[in-house]
Amino acid sequence: MYRGRGLLGKAVFGLFALLVLMIVVYIVAGIFMGPQAGIFGGLSQQMLPVWVALIVTFAVSIQFKRRLGLYGKLFDSTVGMIGFAIVMFWVYTALFVGLFDWIITHDPLSAVSGMKNKVPGTPLSGAEEGDYPYYLLGGDTLARDVFSRMVQGSWVVIRIAPLATLFAFLAGSAGGRPAGGVGGRVGAGWRGGGELGRGEMSVGRGGSTEGGGEEGDVDLSETLQQAVKVTQSLGKSLMEGDPDKTLANASCYLHLFGHIIVAWMWLRQANAAAHALGSANTDDERNFYQGKLQAAQYFFHWELPTVAQDLVLLRNQDDTCLNMKSEWF
């Protein structure tokens, strides 16, 4: 019985090793052959800087793992190394795209006529000298390159992730009520987090005045400025006042920032649609882009204004719900 389990374990390990070997062969062949080896070859060649960075990272880490403390112990675990490789794959992708403009093949916001909803590996319509000749992962509904948007998205995530971590820290700090222990440092974190968020969205709104996004840009900017002021006020009150009262309207705060994030996404989508509208060749394409612009207008005219009441309740630290007693129901 135990012998059977041992043979099964060896068979599973052998199949896994064979799978890894096949993947390595595909990657190596793709690096040298590029798009001639198909979609996988084109992807492998574009990701060459990432493969090199991963190999160097693992080689150095494994060589000196006994001197690297807790980080070095990660390389004693197969599962740990796999997880680390996945994380570092996207970290390196983001850094190479954002800092060096490598890997990416096309402008992630530019629409190319005739490339709407195309399948992976479709040759670029009207490609000129110097253009990458394929949409490696196809085109999206706005005729933009999916591969370029994917790798560019990793750079957006790598910039937003520290902000998300900061907000998670603030939420945990508020939940633990350590006001007396940490003094004004958390309050400073509230202010820093708000300013960082405003700066990130300012970057995300870049070019928003092109193609009719001016009105949404102004609405979002004004709402975000008010939200930052409210956040700073709540942070100060949390350190100096009653945490229960300060956090009583947390649902309003979530509703406020949820709408701000969605508005930011709609504004970016409206900018892309407005940019692509000028190059649309058919009525169907023009109708599609106009629909995106109209939907964005609806959100800014009907949905974003609803956060005004949230701002009032948060600014006044309304205690109506807090003072309700269960006996009164």
Protein backbone atom coordinates (compact mmCIF):
# COMPACT_ATOMS: atom_id res chain seq x y z
CA MET A 1 0.00 0.00 0.00
CA TYR A 2 2.72 2.46 1.00
CA ARG A 3 4.79 1.37 -1.97
CA GLY A 4 1.86 2.19 -4.26
CA ARG A 5 1.61 5.67 -2.76
CA GLY A 6 5.34 6.18 -3.30
CA LEU A 7 5.08 5.22 -6.96
CA LEU A 8 2.09 7.52 -7.40
CA GLY A 9 4.02 10.39 -5.83
CA LYS A 10 6.99 9.81 -8.13
CA ALA A 11 4.67 9.67 -11.15
CA VAL A 12 3.04 12.99 -10.19
CA PHE A 13 6.45 14.61 -9.65
CA GLY A 14 7.67 13.24 -12.99
CA LEU A 15 4.66 14.63 -14.84
CA PHE A 16 5.10 18.00 -13.15
CA ALA A 17 8.80 18.06 -14.08
CA LEU A 18 7.90 17.18 -17.67
CA LEU A 19 5.36 20.00 -17.78
CA VAL A 20 7.93 22.48 -16.47
CA LEU A 21 10.46 21.26 -19.02
CA MET A 22 7.97 21.72 -21.86
CA ILE A 23 7.21 25.27 -20.69
CA VAL A 24 10.93 26.07 -20.53
CA VAL A 25 11.45 24.69 -24.03
CA TYR A 26 8.56 26.81 -25.35
CA ILE A 27 9.94 29.93 -23.68
CA VAL A 28 13.50 29.39 -24.91
CA ALA A 29 12.36 28.56 -28.44
CA GLY A 30 10.06 31.56 -28.44
CA ILE A 31 12.85 33.89 -27.36
CA PHE A 32 14.91 32.98 -30.42
CA MET A 33 12.10 32.52 -32.95
CA GLY A 34 9.72 35.27 -31.82
CA PRO A 35 6.34 35.52 -33.60
CA GLN A 36 7.50 32.89 -36.08
CA ALA A 37 6.90 30.39 -33.28
CA GLY A 38 3.33 31.60 -32.87
CA ILE A 39 1.64 33.64 -30.17
CA PHE A 40 3.60 31.96 -27.37
CA GLY A 41 6.84 32.71 -29.19
CA GLY A 42 5.98 36.38 -29.58
CA LEU A 43 5.05 36.64 -25.91
CA SER A 44 8.23 34.87 -24.81
CA GLN A 45 10.41 37.18 -26.87
CA GLN A 46 8.73 40.33 -25.60
CA MET A 47 9.12 39.15 -21.99
CA LEU A 48 12.85 38.46 -22.38
CA PRO A 49 13.91 41.14 -19.83
CA VAL A 50 11.61 39.54 -17.27
CA TRP A 51 13.04 36.05 -17.86
CA VAL A 52 16.58 37.38 -17.41
CA ALA A 53 15.64 39.25 -14.23
CA LEU A 54 13.95 36.16 -12.77
CA ILE A 55 16.92 33.92 -13.56
CA VAL A 56 19.36 36.35 -11.95
CA THR A 57 17.11 36.82 -8.91
CA PHE A 58 16.68 33.09 -8.32
CA ALA A 59 20.34 32.27 -9.00
CA VAL A 60 21.63 34.84 -6.52
CA SER A 61 18.94 34.10 -3.93
CA ILE A 62 19.52 30.33 -3.98
CA GLN A 63 23.30 30.78 -3.89
CA PHE A 64 23.17 32.97 -0.76
CA LYS A 65 19.91 31.79 0.81
CA ARG A 66 21.62 30.77 4.08
CA ARG A 67 22.72 34.37 4.57
CA LEU A 68 19.39 35.95 3.69
CA GLY A 69 17.44 35.10 6.83
CA LEU A 70 13.69 34.66 6.49
CA TYR A 71 13.80 35.58 2.79
CA GLY A 72 16.32 32.81 2.17
CA LYS A 73 14.05 30.22 3.78
CA LEU A 74 11.55 30.92 1.03
CA PHE A 75 13.81 29.01 -1.36
CA ASP A 76 13.61 25.84 0.72
CA SER A 77 9.96 25.49 -0.30
CA THR A 78 8.80 24.57 -3.81
CA VAL A 79 5.43 26.22 -3.24
CA GLY A 80 7.16 29.31 -1.85
CA MET A 81 9.42 29.60 -4.90
CA ILE A 82 6.48 29.20 -7.29
CA GLY A 83 4.53 31.92 -5.49
CA PHE A 84 7.58 34.18 -5.38
CA ALA A 85 8.17 33.66 -9.11
CA ILE A 86 4.58 34.63 -9.95
CA VAL A 87 4.78 37.80 -7.86
CA MET A 88 8.20 38.85 -9.17
CA PHE A 89 7.12 38.12 -12.76
CA TRP A 90 4.54 40.91 -12.52
CA VAL A 91 6.78 43.18 -10.47
CA TYR A 92 9.55 43.00 -13.06
CA THR A 93 7.02 43.38 -15.88
CA ALA A 94 5.67 46.53 -14.27
CA LEU A 95 9.12 48.01 -13.69
CA PHE A 96 10.39 47.31 -17.19
CA VAL A 97 7.22 48.76 -18.75
CA GLY A 98 6.94 51.79 -16.50
CA LEU A 99 10.60 52.76 -16.15
CA PHE A 100 12.14 51.67 -19.45
CA ASP A 101 9.16 51.37 -21.83
CA TRP A 102 10.22 47.81 -22.68
CA ILE A 103 7.97 44.79 -23.39
CA ILE A 104 4.95 46.88 -24.45
CA THR A 105 4.18 46.67 -28.18
CA HIS A 106 1.55 49.38 -28.78
CA ASP A 107 0.03 52.44 -27.15
CA PRO A 108 -2.50 50.94 -24.71
CA LEU A 109 -4.98 53.79 -25.33
CA SER A 110 -4.71 53.95 -29.11
CA ALA A 111 -7.41 52.29 -31.19
CA VAL A 112 -6.54 50.88 -34.61
CA SER A 113 -9.25 50.72 -37.22
CA GLY A 114 -10.20 47.17 -38.07
CA MET A 115 -8.76 45.62 -34.87
CA LYS A 116 -11.92 45.61 -32.76
CA ASN A 117 -12.47 42.28 -30.94
CA LYS A 118 -9.77 40.54 -32.96
CA VAL A 119 -8.45 37.16 -31.85
CA PRO A 120 -4.91 36.73 -30.45
CA GLY A 121 -2.14 36.84 -33.03
CA THR A 122 -4.04 38.99 -35.53
CA PRO A 123 -1.70 40.98 -37.84
CA LEU A 124 -1.87 44.73 -37.25
CA SER A 125 -4.14 46.46 -39.77
CA GLY A 126 -2.26 49.10 -41.75
CA ALA A 127 1.04 48.41 -39.99
CA GLU A 128 3.82 50.82 -40.90
CA GLU A 129 7.57 50.54 -40.58
CA GLY A 130 8.54 50.46 -36.93
CA ASP A 131 5.15 49.15 -35.75
CA TYR A 132 4.94 45.80 -33.99
CA PRO A 133 3.16 43.68 -36.62
CA TYR A 134 0.72 41.79 -34.36
CA TYR A 135 -1.84 42.15 -31.62
CA LEU A 136 -0.38 39.28 -29.58
CA LEU A 137 -3.44 38.83 -27.37
CA GLY A 138 -5.95 40.31 -29.78
CA GLY A 139 -7.95 43.55 -29.68
CA ASP A 140 -10.56 44.66 -27.16
CA THR A 141 -13.97 46.21 -27.82
CA LEU A 142 -12.31 49.58 -28.40
CA ALA A 143 -9.78 48.13 -30.89
CA ARG A 144 -6.87 48.51 -28.45
CA ASP A 145 -4.07 45.99 -27.99
CA VAL A 146 -4.93 43.66 -25.10
CA PHE A 147 -1.31 42.62 -24.46
CA SER A 148 -0.13 46.23 -24.17
CA ARG A 149 -3.02 47.08 -21.85
CA MET A 150 -2.25 44.06 -19.70
CA VAL A 151 1.43 44.86 -19.18
CA GLN A 152 0.71 48.59 -18.80
CA GLY A 153 -1.88 47.65 -16.19
CA SER A 154 0.83 45.98 -14.13
CA TRP A 155 2.59 49.36 -13.87
CA VAL A 156 -0.66 50.96 -12.70
CA VAL A 157 -1.08 48.23 -10.09
CA ILE A 158 2.49 48.53 -8.83
CA ARG A 159 1.87 52.23 -8.19
CA ILE A 160 -1.53 51.76 -6.57
CA ALA A 161 -0.57 48.75 -4.41
CA PRO A 162 1.41 50.82 -1.86
CA LEU A 163 -1.59 53.15 -1.55
CA ALA A 164 -3.91 50.19 -1.00
CA THR A 165 -1.53 48.84 1.63
CA LEU A 166 -1.51 52.22 3.33
CA PHE A 167 -5.30 52.34 3.46
CA ALA A 168 -5.37 48.78 4.82
CA PHE A 169 -2.93 49.86 7.53
CA LEU A 170 -5.11 52.84 8.39
CA ALA A 171 -8.23 50.69 8.58
CA GLY A 172 -6.46 48.20 10.83
CA SER A 173 -5.12 50.99 13.00
CA ALA A 174 -8.59 52.47 13.38
CA GLY A 175 -10.05 49.09 14.23
CA GLY A 176 -7.45 48.53 16.93
CA ARG A 177 -7.99 51.95 18.47
CA PRO A 178 -4.33 52.63 19.15
CA ALA A 179 -4.81 56.39 19.27
CA GLY A 180 -3.13 56.73 22.61
CA GLY A 181 -0.18 54.60 21.60
CA VAL A 182 0.75 56.05 18.24
CA GLY A 183 -0.18 59.70 18.78
CA GLY A 184 -0.28 61.84 15.69
CA ARG A 185 1.58 59.43 13.41
CA VAL A 186 -1.60 57.77 12.15
CA GLY A 187 -3.14 61.19 11.60
CA ALA A 188 -0.18 62.03 9.41
CA GLY A 189 -0.81 58.75 7.60
CA TRP A 190 -4.38 59.84 6.85
CA ARG A 191 -3.11 63.08 5.32
CA GLY A 192 -0.32 61.36 3.39
CA GLY A 193 -2.70 58.68 2.09
CA GLY A 194 -5.16 61.30 0.86
CA GLU A 195 -2.48 63.31 -0.93
CA LEU A 196 -1.01 60.16 -2.46
CA GLY A 197 -4.43 59.10 -3.72
CA ARG A 198 -5.05 62.52 -5.23
CA GLY A 199 -1.67 62.46 -6.95
CA GLU A 200 -2.31 58.98 -8.36
CA MET A 201 -5.66 60.01 -9.82
CA SER A 202 -4.11 63.14 -11.27
CA VAL A 203 -1.70 60.89 -13.14
CA GLY A 204 -4.60 58.64 -14.19
CA ARG A 205 -6.51 61.63 -15.53
CA GLY A 206 -3.63 62.67 -17.76
CA GLY A 207 -4.95 63.79 -21.11
CA SER A 208 -8.53 63.90 -19.85
CA THR A 209 -9.16 67.25 -21.46
CA GLU A 210 -8.79 65.68 -24.88
CA GLY A 211 -12.00 64.51 -26.50
CA GLY A 212 -14.66 66.06 -24.27
CA GLY A 213 -13.57 64.86 -20.83
CA GLU A 214 -13.25 68.37 -19.35
CA GLU A 215 -16.56 68.36 -17.45
CA GLY A 216 -16.01 64.94 -15.88
CA ASP A 217 -12.44 65.87 -15.02
CA VAL A 218 -13.62 68.95 -13.10
CA ASP A 219 -16.40 67.07 -11.29
CA LEU A 220 -14.06 64.30 -10.23
CA SER A 221 -11.31 66.71 -9.18
CA GLU A 222 -13.68 68.74 -6.99
CA THR A 223 -15.16 65.64 -5.36
CA LEU A 224 -11.73 64.18 -4.71
CA GLN A 225 -10.50 67.40 -3.10
CA GLN A 226 -13.48 67.42 -0.75
CA ALA A 227 -12.95 63.73 0.05
CA VAL A 228 -9.31 64.38 0.94
CA LYS A 229 -10.33 67.21 3.30
CA VAL A 230 -12.94 64.99 4.96
CA THR A 231 -10.37 62.20 5.32
CA GLN A 232 -7.92 64.57 7.00
CA SER A 233 -10.65 65.83 9.34
CA LEU A 234 -11.69 62.29 10.27
CA GLY A 235 -8.08 61.30 10.89
CA LYS A 236 -7.57 64.21 13.24
CA SER A 237 -10.83 63.45 15.07
CA LEU A 238 -9.89 59.80 15.36
CA MET A 239 -6.73 60.74 17.22
CA GLU A 240 -8.28 63.39 19.44
CA GLY A 241 -11.93 62.43 19.85
CA ASP A 242 -14.32 59.50 20.17
CA PRO A 243 -13.47 56.66 17.73
CA ASP A 244 -17.05 55.35 17.84
CA LYS A 245 -18.45 58.66 16.63
CA THR A 246 -15.70 59.18 14.07
CA LEU A 247 -16.26 55.77 12.50
CA ALA A 248 -20.05 55.68 12.89
CA ASN A 249 -20.63 56.58 9.24
CA ALA A 250 -18.01 54.28 7.73
CA SER A 251 -20.54 53.06 5.15
CA CYS A 252 -20.81 56.62 3.81
CA TYR A 253 -17.03 56.76 3.51
CA LEU A 254 -16.98 53.52 1.54
CA HIS A 255 -19.79 54.77 -0.71
CA LEU A 256 -17.92 58.04 -1.29
CA PHE A 257 -14.62 56.52 -2.32
CA GLY A 258 -16.29 53.71 -4.23
CA HIS A 259 -18.00 56.29 -6.44
CA ILE A 260 -14.75 58.22 -6.83
CA ILE A 261 -12.95 55.12 -8.08
CA VAL A 262 -15.77 54.22 -10.47
CA ALA A 263 -15.87 57.82 -11.73
CA TRP A 264 -12.14 57.68 -12.38
CA MET A 265 -12.60 54.48 -14.38
CA TRP A 266 -15.48 55.98 -16.38
CA LEU A 267 -13.41 59.07 -17.13
CA ARG A 268 -10.51 56.99 -18.43
CA GLN A 269 -12.90 54.94 -20.57
CA ALA A 270 -14.56 58.11 -21.92
CA ASN A 271 -11.14 59.52 -22.83
CA ALA A 272 -10.27 56.34 -24.73
CA ALA A 273 -13.64 56.38 -26.53
CA ALA A 274 -13.29 60.05 -27.46
CA HIS A 275 -9.79 59.40 -28.73
CA ALA A 276 -10.98 56.46 -30.86
CA LEU A 277 -14.11 58.23 -32.11
CA GLY A 278 -12.12 60.41 -34.46
CA SER A 279 -10.67 57.39 -36.27
CA ALA A 280 -13.90 55.35 -36.42
CA ASN A 281 -14.73 54.29 -39.98
CA THR A 282 -18.20 52.80 -39.63
CA ASP A 283 -21.50 53.83 -38.06
CA ASP A 284 -21.36 50.82 -35.74
CA GLU A 285 -17.99 51.91 -34.36
CA ARG A 286 -19.12 55.52 -33.97
CA ASN A 287 -22.32 54.41 -32.20
CA PHE A 288 -20.29 52.19 -29.89
CA TYR A 289 -17.95 55.00 -28.84
CA GLN A 290 -20.80 57.49 -28.48
CA GLY A 291 -22.55 55.00 -26.21
CA LYS A 292 -19.49 54.87 -23.96
CA LEU A 293 -19.38 58.66 -23.79
CA GLN A 294 -23.09 58.87 -22.99
CA ALA A 295 -22.81 56.23 -20.25
CA ALA A 296 -19.93 58.16 -18.69
CA GLN A 297 -22.01 61.34 -18.82
CA TYR A 298 -24.86 59.54 -17.05
CA PHE A 299 -22.55 58.50 -14.21
CA PHE A 300 -21.18 62.01 -13.73
CA HIS A 301 -24.64 63.64 -13.92
CA TRP A 302 -26.69 61.08 -11.95
CA GLU A 303 -24.43 58.96 -9.77
CA LEU A 304 -21.40 61.01 -8.71
CA PRO A 305 -23.56 63.86 -7.28
CA THR A 306 -25.12 61.41 -4.78
CA VAL A 307 -21.92 61.48 -2.71
CA ALA A 308 -22.72 65.07 -1.66
CA GLN A 309 -24.87 63.75 1.20
CA ASP A 310 -22.08 61.39 2.24
CA LEU A 311 -19.69 64.34 2.43
CA VAL A 312 -22.14 66.29 4.62
CA LEU A 313 -22.68 63.39 7.04
CA LEU A 314 -18.95 62.66 7.28
CA ARG A 315 -17.97 66.30 7.64
CA ASN A 316 -20.51 66.82 10.46
CA GLN A 317 -19.79 63.40 12.00
CA ASP A 318 -23.54 62.85 12.23
CA ASP A 319 -24.43 60.61 15.18
CA THR A 320 -28.08 59.85 14.31
CA CYS A 321 -27.46 56.14 13.71
CA LEU A 322 -24.90 55.89 16.51
CA ASN A 323 -27.36 57.13 19.12
CA MET A 324 -30.10 54.68 18.10
CA LYS A 325 -30.81 52.09 20.79
CA SER A 326 -32.00 48.55 20.20
CA GLU A 327 -34.84 49.05 22.70
CA TRP A 328 -36.39 51.69 20.43
CA PHE A 329 -37.06 49.31 17.57
